[in-house]
N, C-alpha and C. Protein backbone atom coordinates (compact mmCIF):
# COMPACT_ATOMS: atom_id res chain seq x y z
N MET A 1 -48.63 -31.73 63.15
CA MET A 1 -49.27 -32.58 64.12
C MET A 1 -49.12 -31.96 65.50
N GLY A 2 -50.16 -31.40 66.00
CA GLY A 2 -50.09 -30.77 67.31
C GLY A 2 -49.17 -29.57 67.29
N MET A 3 -48.95 -29.02 68.45
CA MET A 3 -48.16 -27.82 68.60
C MET A 3 -46.66 -28.09 68.48
N PHE A 4 -46.23 -29.34 68.67
CA PHE A 4 -44.81 -29.66 68.71
C PHE A 4 -44.36 -30.49 67.51
N GLY A 5 -45.00 -30.29 66.35
CA GLY A 5 -44.58 -30.99 65.14
C GLY A 5 -44.62 -32.49 65.32
N GLN A 6 -43.49 -33.15 65.20
CA GLN A 6 -43.43 -34.60 65.27
C GLN A 6 -43.24 -35.14 66.68
N SER A 7 -43.27 -34.28 67.69
CA SER A 7 -43.07 -34.73 69.07
C SER A 7 -44.35 -35.34 69.61
N ARG A 8 -44.46 -36.64 69.51
CA ARG A 8 -45.65 -37.35 69.98
C ARG A 8 -45.75 -37.20 71.50
N PRO A 9 -46.96 -36.93 72.01
CA PRO A 9 -47.11 -36.74 73.46
C PRO A 9 -46.78 -38.01 74.24
N THR A 10 -46.16 -37.80 75.39
CA THR A 10 -45.85 -38.91 76.30
C THR A 10 -46.70 -38.84 77.56
N GLU A 11 -47.34 -37.70 77.78
CA GLU A 11 -48.18 -37.49 78.96
C GLU A 11 -49.59 -37.12 78.51
N LEU A 12 -50.54 -37.25 79.42
CA LEU A 12 -51.93 -36.98 79.12
C LEU A 12 -52.58 -36.28 80.30
N THR A 13 -53.28 -35.20 80.01
CA THR A 13 -54.12 -34.55 81.01
C THR A 13 -55.56 -34.69 80.52
N PHE A 14 -56.44 -35.24 81.35
CA PHE A 14 -57.82 -35.38 80.91
C PHE A 14 -58.81 -35.05 82.02
N ASN A 15 -59.97 -34.58 81.59
CA ASN A 15 -61.11 -34.29 82.46
C ASN A 15 -62.26 -35.16 81.99
N ASP A 16 -63.19 -35.43 82.87
CA ASP A 16 -64.46 -36.01 82.45
C ASP A 16 -65.55 -35.09 82.96
N ALA A 17 -66.59 -34.95 82.17
CA ALA A 17 -67.64 -34.01 82.51
C ALA A 17 -68.96 -34.45 81.90
N SER A 18 -70.04 -33.94 82.47
CA SER A 18 -71.35 -34.13 81.87
C SER A 18 -72.10 -32.81 82.01
N HIS A 19 -73.12 -32.65 81.19
CA HIS A 19 -73.92 -31.44 81.28
C HIS A 19 -74.69 -31.46 82.58
N GLN A 20 -74.95 -30.30 83.13
CA GLN A 20 -75.62 -30.19 84.43
C GLN A 20 -76.97 -30.88 84.44
N SER A 21 -77.67 -30.92 83.29
CA SER A 21 -78.99 -31.54 83.26
C SER A 21 -78.94 -33.06 83.14
N THR A 22 -77.77 -33.61 82.86
CA THR A 22 -77.65 -35.05 82.63
C THR A 22 -76.43 -35.61 83.35
N PRO A 23 -76.44 -35.66 84.68
CA PRO A 23 -75.27 -36.20 85.38
C PRO A 23 -75.09 -37.69 85.06
N VAL A 24 -73.83 -38.10 85.00
CA VAL A 24 -73.53 -39.50 84.69
C VAL A 24 -72.50 -40.05 85.66
N MET A 25 -72.50 -41.37 85.75
CA MET A 25 -71.48 -42.10 86.47
C MET A 25 -70.58 -42.72 85.41
N VAL A 26 -69.29 -42.41 85.47
CA VAL A 26 -68.34 -43.02 84.55
C VAL A 26 -67.99 -44.39 85.12
N ASP A 27 -68.30 -45.43 84.35
CA ASP A 27 -68.09 -46.80 84.80
C ASP A 27 -66.76 -47.37 84.32
N GLY A 28 -66.13 -46.73 83.36
CA GLY A 28 -64.85 -47.19 82.86
C GLY A 28 -64.32 -46.26 81.79
N LEU A 29 -63.00 -46.12 81.74
CA LEU A 29 -62.34 -45.33 80.71
C LEU A 29 -60.98 -45.96 80.46
N ALA A 30 -60.71 -46.29 79.21
CA ALA A 30 -59.41 -46.84 78.83
C ALA A 30 -58.87 -46.05 77.65
N ILE A 31 -57.59 -45.75 77.71
CA ILE A 31 -56.92 -45.05 76.62
C ILE A 31 -55.75 -45.92 76.18
N ASN A 32 -55.75 -46.23 74.88
CA ASN A 32 -54.76 -47.15 74.31
C ASN A 32 -54.66 -48.43 75.13
N GLY A 33 -55.84 -48.91 75.57
CA GLY A 33 -55.92 -50.18 76.28
C GLY A 33 -55.62 -50.14 77.76
N ARG A 34 -55.24 -48.99 78.29
CA ARG A 34 -54.92 -48.90 79.72
C ARG A 34 -56.06 -48.23 80.47
N THR A 35 -56.53 -48.86 81.54
CA THR A 35 -57.60 -48.30 82.36
C THR A 35 -57.10 -47.04 83.04
N MET A 36 -57.91 -46.00 82.98
CA MET A 36 -57.54 -44.69 83.52
C MET A 36 -58.30 -44.41 84.81
N GLY A 37 -57.87 -44.99 85.90
CA GLY A 37 -58.48 -44.68 87.17
C GLY A 37 -59.22 -45.85 87.78
N SER A 38 -59.98 -45.52 88.81
CA SER A 38 -60.73 -46.48 89.58
C SER A 38 -62.21 -46.11 89.42
N PHE A 39 -63.05 -47.06 89.12
CA PHE A 39 -64.43 -46.77 88.77
C PHE A 39 -65.39 -47.55 89.65
N PRO A 40 -66.62 -47.05 89.79
CA PRO A 40 -67.23 -45.90 89.12
C PRO A 40 -66.85 -44.57 89.79
N ILE A 41 -66.91 -43.50 88.98
CA ILE A 41 -66.72 -42.15 89.49
C ILE A 41 -67.79 -41.24 88.91
N LEU A 42 -68.18 -40.28 89.69
CA LEU A 42 -69.18 -39.31 89.27
C LEU A 42 -68.52 -38.28 88.37
N ALA A 43 -69.02 -38.12 87.15
CA ALA A 43 -68.47 -37.10 86.25
C ALA A 43 -68.88 -35.73 86.75
N SER A 44 -68.01 -34.77 86.58
CA SER A 44 -68.31 -33.40 86.98
C SER A 44 -69.57 -32.94 86.27
N SER A 45 -70.47 -32.31 87.01
CA SER A 45 -71.69 -31.81 86.39
C SER A 45 -72.16 -30.52 87.04
N SER A 46 -71.23 -29.72 87.53
CA SER A 46 -71.59 -28.52 88.27
C SER A 46 -71.79 -27.29 87.40
N TRP A 47 -71.41 -27.38 86.15
CA TRP A 47 -71.45 -26.18 85.31
C TRP A 47 -72.43 -26.36 84.16
N MET A 48 -73.01 -25.23 83.72
CA MET A 48 -73.79 -25.24 82.49
C MET A 48 -72.86 -25.58 81.33
N ASN A 49 -71.64 -25.04 81.37
CA ASN A 49 -70.61 -25.41 80.40
C ASN A 49 -70.05 -26.74 80.87
N PRO A 50 -70.23 -27.81 80.11
CA PRO A 50 -69.86 -29.12 80.63
C PRO A 50 -68.38 -29.42 80.64
N ARG A 51 -67.55 -28.51 80.20
CA ARG A 51 -66.12 -28.82 80.11
C ARG A 51 -65.38 -28.23 81.30
N GLY A 52 -65.51 -28.87 82.41
CA GLY A 52 -64.83 -28.43 83.62
C GLY A 52 -64.52 -29.64 84.46
N GLY A 53 -64.34 -29.43 85.73
CA GLY A 53 -64.18 -30.58 86.62
C GLY A 53 -62.75 -30.94 86.91
N SER A 54 -62.59 -32.08 87.54
CA SER A 54 -61.27 -32.49 88.00
C SER A 54 -60.40 -32.92 86.82
N THR A 55 -59.11 -32.81 87.02
CA THR A 55 -58.14 -33.13 85.98
C THR A 55 -57.22 -34.23 86.47
N THR A 56 -56.91 -35.15 85.60
CA THR A 56 -55.98 -36.22 85.91
C THR A 56 -54.79 -36.10 84.97
N LEU A 57 -53.59 -36.19 85.52
CA LEU A 57 -52.36 -36.19 84.73
C LEU A 57 -51.75 -37.57 84.85
N THR A 58 -51.44 -38.18 83.72
CA THR A 58 -50.89 -39.53 83.72
C THR A 58 -50.02 -39.72 82.49
N GLY A 59 -49.29 -40.80 82.45
CA GLY A 59 -48.54 -41.14 81.25
C GLY A 59 -49.49 -41.58 80.15
N LEU A 60 -49.15 -41.26 78.91
CA LEU A 60 -49.96 -41.68 77.78
C LEU A 60 -49.38 -42.97 77.23
N PRO A 61 -50.10 -44.08 77.38
CA PRO A 61 -49.54 -45.37 76.97
C PRO A 61 -49.53 -45.52 75.44
N TRP A 62 -48.47 -46.08 74.92
CA TRP A 62 -48.34 -46.40 73.50
C TRP A 62 -47.88 -47.84 73.38
N ASP A 63 -48.46 -48.58 72.43
CA ASP A 63 -48.04 -49.96 72.22
C ASP A 63 -46.66 -50.05 71.60
N ASN A 64 -46.37 -49.14 70.65
CA ASN A 64 -45.05 -49.15 70.03
C ASN A 64 -44.67 -47.74 69.59
N ALA A 65 -43.44 -47.56 69.21
CA ALA A 65 -42.89 -46.24 68.91
C ALA A 65 -43.50 -45.58 67.69
N ASP A 66 -44.19 -46.34 66.84
CA ASP A 66 -44.75 -45.78 65.62
C ASP A 66 -46.23 -45.43 65.73
N ASP A 67 -46.86 -45.71 66.84
CA ASP A 67 -48.30 -45.44 66.98
C ASP A 67 -48.60 -43.96 66.78
N GLN A 68 -49.67 -43.68 66.05
CA GLN A 68 -50.11 -42.31 65.80
C GLN A 68 -51.55 -42.08 66.27
N ILE A 69 -52.24 -43.14 66.64
CA ILE A 69 -53.66 -43.07 66.97
C ILE A 69 -53.86 -43.28 68.47
N VAL A 70 -54.75 -42.47 69.05
CA VAL A 70 -55.15 -42.62 70.44
C VAL A 70 -56.53 -43.30 70.42
N ASP A 71 -56.61 -44.49 71.01
CA ASP A 71 -57.86 -45.24 71.09
C ASP A 71 -58.49 -45.03 72.45
N ILE A 72 -59.78 -44.70 72.45
CA ILE A 72 -60.51 -44.39 73.67
C ILE A 72 -61.70 -45.35 73.78
N HIS A 73 -61.88 -45.92 74.95
CA HIS A 73 -63.06 -46.74 75.25
C HIS A 73 -63.67 -46.17 76.53
N ALA A 74 -64.93 -45.76 76.45
CA ALA A 74 -65.62 -45.17 77.60
C ALA A 74 -66.90 -45.94 77.90
N GLU A 75 -67.22 -46.06 79.19
CA GLU A 75 -68.46 -46.69 79.65
C GLU A 75 -69.07 -45.77 80.69
N TRP A 76 -70.37 -45.52 80.59
CA TRP A 76 -71.03 -44.63 81.56
C TRP A 76 -72.50 -44.97 81.69
N THR A 77 -73.09 -44.45 82.77
CA THR A 77 -74.51 -44.66 83.06
C THR A 77 -75.13 -43.32 83.43
N GLU A 78 -76.27 -43.00 82.82
CA GLU A 78 -77.00 -41.79 83.19
C GLU A 78 -77.60 -41.99 84.57
N ILE A 79 -77.41 -41.03 85.46
CA ILE A 79 -77.93 -41.14 86.83
C ILE A 79 -79.46 -41.19 86.82
N GLU A 80 -80.09 -40.31 86.07
CA GLU A 80 -81.55 -40.20 86.09
C GLU A 80 -82.24 -41.42 85.49
N THR A 81 -81.76 -41.90 84.35
CA THR A 81 -82.46 -42.97 83.64
C THR A 81 -81.94 -44.36 83.98
N GLY A 82 -80.70 -44.46 84.47
CA GLY A 82 -80.08 -45.75 84.71
C GLY A 82 -79.60 -46.44 83.45
N ARG A 83 -79.71 -45.76 82.29
CA ARG A 83 -79.29 -46.36 81.02
C ARG A 83 -77.77 -46.30 80.88
N ALA A 84 -77.18 -47.43 80.49
CA ALA A 84 -75.73 -47.53 80.33
C ALA A 84 -75.36 -47.48 78.85
N TYR A 85 -74.17 -46.93 78.59
CA TYR A 85 -73.66 -46.77 77.23
C TYR A 85 -72.17 -47.07 77.18
N THR A 86 -71.69 -47.36 75.98
CA THR A 86 -70.25 -47.43 75.71
C THR A 86 -69.98 -46.65 74.43
N ALA A 87 -68.76 -46.18 74.30
CA ALA A 87 -68.32 -45.52 73.07
C ALA A 87 -66.86 -45.85 72.84
N ASP A 88 -66.51 -46.02 71.59
CA ASP A 88 -65.13 -46.24 71.18
C ASP A 88 -64.79 -45.20 70.13
N ALA A 89 -63.68 -44.52 70.35
CA ALA A 89 -63.23 -43.48 69.42
C ALA A 89 -61.74 -43.65 69.18
N SER A 90 -61.32 -43.33 67.98
CA SER A 90 -59.90 -43.33 67.63
C SER A 90 -59.60 -41.98 66.99
N VAL A 91 -58.60 -41.31 67.52
CA VAL A 91 -58.21 -40.00 66.97
C VAL A 91 -56.70 -39.97 66.79
N ALA A 92 -56.29 -39.29 65.74
CA ALA A 92 -54.86 -39.09 65.53
C ALA A 92 -54.36 -38.12 66.59
N TRP A 93 -53.22 -38.41 67.20
CA TRP A 93 -52.75 -37.53 68.27
C TRP A 93 -52.49 -36.13 67.75
N GLY A 94 -52.28 -35.96 66.47
CA GLY A 94 -52.08 -34.63 65.90
C GLY A 94 -53.33 -33.76 65.98
N GLU A 95 -54.49 -34.37 66.25
CA GLU A 95 -55.73 -33.61 66.42
C GLU A 95 -55.84 -32.99 67.81
N LEU A 96 -54.98 -33.42 68.71
CA LEU A 96 -55.07 -32.98 70.10
C LEU A 96 -54.19 -31.77 70.37
N HIS A 97 -54.65 -30.93 71.28
CA HIS A 97 -53.83 -29.81 71.75
C HIS A 97 -52.71 -30.39 72.60
N VAL A 98 -51.48 -29.98 72.31
CA VAL A 98 -50.31 -30.53 72.99
C VAL A 98 -49.45 -29.38 73.48
N GLU A 99 -48.97 -29.47 74.70
CA GLU A 99 -48.05 -28.48 75.27
C GLU A 99 -46.92 -29.21 75.98
N ASP A 100 -45.81 -28.50 76.17
CA ASP A 100 -44.70 -29.06 76.94
C ASP A 100 -44.87 -28.59 78.38
N VAL A 101 -45.49 -29.44 79.20
CA VAL A 101 -45.78 -29.09 80.60
C VAL A 101 -44.83 -29.87 81.50
N VAL A 102 -45.06 -31.15 81.63
CA VAL A 102 -44.18 -32.06 82.37
C VAL A 102 -43.78 -33.16 81.38
N GLY A 103 -43.26 -32.74 80.27
CA GLY A 103 -43.08 -33.58 79.11
C GLY A 103 -44.14 -33.17 78.11
N VAL A 104 -44.08 -33.70 76.93
CA VAL A 104 -45.04 -33.33 75.89
C VAL A 104 -46.39 -33.93 76.27
N THR A 105 -47.36 -33.05 76.57
CA THR A 105 -48.62 -33.44 77.18
C THR A 105 -49.80 -33.15 76.26
N ALA A 106 -50.65 -34.15 76.02
CA ALA A 106 -51.88 -33.98 75.26
C ALA A 106 -53.02 -33.69 76.23
N TYR A 107 -54.00 -32.90 75.77
CA TYR A 107 -55.14 -32.51 76.60
C TYR A 107 -56.43 -33.07 76.00
N MET A 108 -57.21 -33.76 76.85
CA MET A 108 -58.50 -34.29 76.41
C MET A 108 -59.55 -34.06 77.49
N THR A 109 -60.76 -33.73 77.05
CA THR A 109 -61.91 -33.65 77.94
C THR A 109 -63.00 -34.53 77.34
N PHE A 110 -63.47 -35.50 78.13
CA PHE A 110 -64.53 -36.39 77.71
C PHE A 110 -65.84 -35.86 78.28
N VAL A 111 -66.80 -35.57 77.40
CA VAL A 111 -68.08 -35.02 77.83
C VAL A 111 -69.16 -36.04 77.50
N TYR A 112 -69.91 -36.40 78.54
CA TYR A 112 -70.99 -37.38 78.40
C TYR A 112 -72.30 -36.61 78.36
N GLY A 113 -73.00 -36.69 77.24
CA GLY A 113 -74.22 -35.92 77.05
C GLY A 113 -75.47 -36.77 77.22
N ARG A 114 -76.58 -36.15 76.92
CA ARG A 114 -77.90 -36.78 77.05
C ARG A 114 -78.09 -37.88 76.00
N ASN A 115 -78.79 -38.91 76.36
CA ASN A 115 -79.14 -40.01 75.45
C ASN A 115 -77.93 -40.72 74.87
N GLY A 116 -76.85 -40.80 75.64
CA GLY A 116 -75.68 -41.54 75.19
C GLY A 116 -74.71 -40.77 74.32
N GLU A 117 -74.87 -39.47 74.25
CA GLU A 117 -73.94 -38.69 73.43
C GLU A 117 -72.56 -38.65 74.10
N PHE A 118 -71.52 -38.82 73.30
CA PHE A 118 -70.14 -38.81 73.79
C PHE A 118 -69.35 -37.83 72.93
N MET A 119 -68.65 -36.93 73.60
CA MET A 119 -67.87 -35.91 72.89
C MET A 119 -66.45 -35.89 73.44
N LEU A 120 -65.51 -35.62 72.57
CA LEU A 120 -64.12 -35.43 72.97
C LEU A 120 -63.71 -34.03 72.55
N PHE A 121 -63.24 -33.27 73.53
CA PHE A 121 -62.72 -31.93 73.28
C PHE A 121 -61.24 -31.92 73.61
N THR A 122 -60.52 -30.98 73.04
CA THR A 122 -59.13 -30.78 73.40
C THR A 122 -58.95 -29.31 73.74
N ASN A 123 -58.21 -29.05 74.79
CA ASN A 123 -58.02 -27.67 75.24
C ASN A 123 -57.24 -26.88 74.22
N ALA A 124 -57.56 -25.62 74.12
CA ALA A 124 -56.88 -24.70 73.22
C ALA A 124 -56.96 -23.32 73.84
N GLU A 125 -56.82 -22.32 73.02
CA GLU A 125 -56.86 -20.95 73.52
C GLU A 125 -58.28 -20.62 74.01
N ALA A 126 -58.37 -19.54 74.78
CA ALA A 126 -59.67 -19.10 75.29
C ALA A 126 -60.56 -18.64 74.14
N ASP A 127 -61.86 -18.85 74.31
CA ASP A 127 -62.84 -18.35 73.35
C ASP A 127 -62.76 -16.83 73.34
N PRO A 128 -62.58 -16.20 72.16
CA PRO A 128 -62.41 -14.74 72.13
C PRO A 128 -63.63 -13.97 72.64
N LYS A 129 -64.82 -14.56 72.55
CA LYS A 129 -66.04 -13.86 72.99
C LYS A 129 -66.25 -13.97 74.49
N THR A 130 -66.02 -15.15 75.05
CA THR A 130 -66.34 -15.37 76.47
C THR A 130 -65.12 -15.40 77.37
N GLY A 131 -63.96 -15.66 76.79
CA GLY A 131 -62.76 -15.80 77.60
C GLY A 131 -62.66 -17.15 78.29
N GLN A 132 -63.65 -18.03 78.09
CA GLN A 132 -63.65 -19.36 78.72
C GLN A 132 -62.81 -20.33 77.90
N PHE A 133 -62.21 -21.27 78.60
CA PHE A 133 -61.42 -22.30 77.95
C PHE A 133 -62.31 -23.52 77.70
N ASN A 134 -63.12 -23.45 76.67
CA ASN A 134 -64.05 -24.53 76.36
C ASN A 134 -63.40 -25.65 75.57
N GLY A 135 -62.32 -25.34 74.89
CA GLY A 135 -61.66 -26.35 74.08
C GLY A 135 -62.27 -26.46 72.70
N ARG A 136 -61.67 -27.30 71.89
CA ARG A 136 -62.11 -27.52 70.52
C ARG A 136 -62.63 -28.95 70.41
N GLU A 137 -63.78 -29.09 69.77
CA GLU A 137 -64.36 -30.42 69.61
C GLU A 137 -63.54 -31.23 68.62
N VAL A 138 -63.18 -32.45 69.03
CA VAL A 138 -62.42 -33.35 68.17
C VAL A 138 -63.36 -34.38 67.53
N THR A 139 -64.27 -34.93 68.33
CA THR A 139 -65.22 -35.89 67.80
C THR A 139 -66.48 -35.89 68.67
N ARG A 140 -67.58 -36.31 68.03
CA ARG A 140 -68.88 -36.43 68.72
C ARG A 140 -69.58 -37.64 68.12
N MET A 141 -70.17 -38.45 68.98
CA MET A 141 -70.84 -39.66 68.50
C MET A 141 -71.93 -40.07 69.48
N CYS A 142 -72.77 -40.98 69.03
CA CYS A 142 -73.76 -41.58 69.90
C CYS A 142 -73.19 -42.89 70.43
N GLY A 143 -73.15 -43.01 71.75
CA GLY A 143 -72.66 -44.24 72.35
C GLY A 143 -73.62 -45.38 72.10
N LYS A 144 -73.13 -46.58 72.27
CA LYS A 144 -73.94 -47.78 72.08
C LYS A 144 -74.60 -48.15 73.40
N ARG A 145 -75.92 -48.40 73.36
CA ARG A 145 -76.63 -48.84 74.56
C ARG A 145 -76.14 -50.21 74.98
N THR A 146 -75.95 -50.35 76.28
CA THR A 146 -75.55 -51.64 76.84
C THR A 146 -76.51 -51.96 77.99
N PRO A 147 -77.73 -52.41 77.65
CA PRO A 147 -78.75 -52.65 78.67
C PRO A 147 -78.33 -53.63 79.76
N ASN A 148 -77.43 -54.54 79.46
CA ASN A 148 -76.97 -55.50 80.47
C ASN A 148 -76.19 -54.80 81.59
N ARG A 149 -75.77 -53.56 81.38
CA ARG A 149 -75.06 -52.80 82.41
C ARG A 149 -75.94 -51.74 83.09
N ASP A 150 -77.20 -51.61 82.68
CA ASP A 150 -78.10 -50.63 83.30
C ASP A 150 -78.13 -50.85 84.81
N GLN A 151 -78.20 -49.74 85.55
CA GLN A 151 -78.31 -49.86 87.00
C GLN A 151 -78.85 -48.58 87.61
N ASN A 152 -79.39 -48.74 88.79
CA ASN A 152 -79.93 -47.62 89.54
C ASN A 152 -78.88 -47.17 90.55
N TYR A 153 -78.13 -46.14 90.19
CA TYR A 153 -77.11 -45.64 91.12
C TYR A 153 -77.72 -44.97 92.35
N GLY A 154 -79.00 -44.64 92.29
CA GLY A 154 -79.67 -44.07 93.46
C GLY A 154 -79.66 -45.01 94.65
N LEU A 155 -79.47 -46.29 94.40
CA LEU A 155 -79.40 -47.28 95.48
C LEU A 155 -78.00 -47.37 96.09
N ARG A 156 -77.04 -46.62 95.52
CA ARG A 156 -75.64 -46.73 95.97
C ARG A 156 -75.11 -45.41 96.52
N VAL A 157 -75.99 -44.56 97.04
CA VAL A 157 -75.56 -43.22 97.46
C VAL A 157 -74.52 -43.24 98.57
N ASN A 158 -74.50 -44.27 99.39
CA ASN A 158 -73.52 -44.33 100.48
C ASN A 158 -72.18 -44.90 100.04
N GLU A 159 -72.11 -45.42 98.83
CA GLU A 159 -70.88 -46.05 98.35
C GLU A 159 -70.00 -45.11 97.53
N ILE A 160 -70.59 -44.11 96.90
CA ILE A 160 -69.86 -43.30 95.92
C ILE A 160 -69.82 -41.85 96.38
N PRO A 161 -68.61 -41.31 96.58
CA PRO A 161 -68.48 -39.92 97.05
C PRO A 161 -69.19 -38.94 96.13
N GLY A 162 -69.98 -38.06 96.73
CA GLY A 162 -70.67 -37.00 96.00
C GLY A 162 -72.02 -37.39 95.44
N LEU A 163 -72.31 -38.67 95.36
CA LEU A 163 -73.57 -39.10 94.74
C LEU A 163 -74.78 -38.72 95.59
N GLY A 164 -74.70 -38.91 96.89
CA GLY A 164 -75.82 -38.54 97.76
C GLY A 164 -76.16 -37.07 97.65
N ARG A 165 -75.14 -36.23 97.63
CA ARG A 165 -75.35 -34.78 97.49
C ARG A 165 -76.01 -34.46 96.15
N LEU A 166 -75.56 -35.12 95.09
CA LEU A 166 -76.15 -34.90 93.77
C LEU A 166 -77.61 -35.31 93.76
N ILE A 167 -77.92 -36.47 94.31
CA ILE A 167 -79.31 -36.96 94.35
C ILE A 167 -80.17 -36.00 95.17
N ASP A 168 -79.64 -35.49 96.28
CA ASP A 168 -80.39 -34.54 97.11
C ASP A 168 -80.73 -33.27 96.34
N ARG A 169 -79.92 -32.92 95.36
CA ARG A 169 -80.14 -31.69 94.58
C ARG A 169 -80.81 -31.99 93.24
N ARG A 170 -81.47 -33.12 93.14
CA ARG A 170 -82.09 -33.54 91.88
C ARG A 170 -83.01 -32.48 91.30
N ASP A 171 -83.80 -31.80 92.12
CA ASP A 171 -84.72 -30.77 91.60
C ASP A 171 -83.96 -29.67 90.88
N GLN A 172 -82.77 -29.34 91.35
CA GLN A 172 -81.98 -28.29 90.70
C GLN A 172 -81.50 -28.73 89.32
N TRP A 173 -80.94 -29.93 89.22
CA TRP A 173 -80.43 -30.32 87.91
C TRP A 173 -81.52 -30.73 86.95
N MET A 174 -82.67 -31.16 87.46
CA MET A 174 -83.80 -31.48 86.58
C MET A 174 -84.42 -30.21 86.00
N ALA A 175 -84.21 -29.05 86.67
CA ALA A 175 -84.76 -27.78 86.18
C ALA A 175 -83.90 -27.16 85.08
N VAL A 176 -82.69 -27.66 84.89
CA VAL A 176 -81.80 -27.11 83.85
C VAL A 176 -82.25 -27.64 82.50
N PRO A 177 -82.39 -26.76 81.50
CA PRO A 177 -82.80 -27.23 80.17
C PRO A 177 -81.79 -28.23 79.60
N ASP A 178 -82.30 -29.27 78.95
CA ASP A 178 -81.42 -30.24 78.30
C ASP A 178 -80.68 -29.59 77.15
N ILE A 179 -79.46 -30.05 76.91
CA ILE A 179 -78.74 -29.60 75.73
C ILE A 179 -79.23 -30.43 74.55
N GLU A 180 -79.09 -29.89 73.36
CA GLU A 180 -79.50 -30.62 72.17
C GLU A 180 -78.62 -31.84 71.99
N SER A 181 -79.23 -32.90 71.50
CA SER A 181 -78.49 -34.12 71.23
C SER A 181 -79.08 -34.78 70.00
N SER A 182 -78.23 -35.27 69.14
CA SER A 182 -78.71 -36.00 67.97
C SER A 182 -78.89 -37.48 68.28
N CYS A 183 -78.61 -37.87 69.51
CA CYS A 183 -78.70 -39.28 69.90
C CYS A 183 -80.11 -39.59 70.42
N SER A 184 -80.58 -40.79 70.10
CA SER A 184 -81.95 -41.17 70.47
C SER A 184 -82.05 -41.77 71.87
N GLY A 185 -80.94 -42.24 72.41
CA GLY A 185 -80.97 -42.90 73.71
C GLY A 185 -81.10 -44.40 73.59
N GLU A 186 -81.49 -44.88 72.45
CA GLU A 186 -81.59 -46.33 72.23
C GLU A 186 -80.63 -46.74 71.12
N ASN A 187 -79.47 -46.13 71.11
CA ASN A 187 -78.47 -46.36 70.07
C ASN A 187 -77.98 -47.81 70.12
N THR A 188 -77.84 -48.41 68.98
CA THR A 188 -77.36 -49.80 68.93
C THR A 188 -76.09 -49.89 68.13
């Protein structure tokens, strides 16, 4: 289970990201029932490789000493379409890359794709071909549409750091080819 055998992680390092062609606003993220941050926040979308951006280090909450599963609840809205989605995933912590950094630390990157696609990656060694730290995919799913949460973030450019700049550069990110997605965008 992970790099440290039976040593369950006590810390968590996570990134959130979206593909450059599909910027999103993260409206909520909870891990094992604990809200991770203050929302909404703009997911990183500066790279063609969507696994980059800011990193948060925090304690990994566990309900009891025997827990083996990490439960994730994510909520997000596509900037371009205004469509909102949610996704729930459960993964065994042994599926995550774990290192002893500031305690036994698990690594997760949440990637929000086109049409409600949600992916979880975990950091690992560099790709031998590119040398990039893309991580290993743990799970991929289509998020559930939540039309009652749809909103036009373009009306909130003065409220959210970085959003105005992103909207001003809309022509650039609209010119980037979409990544493939098996999600229809109207997932229920």
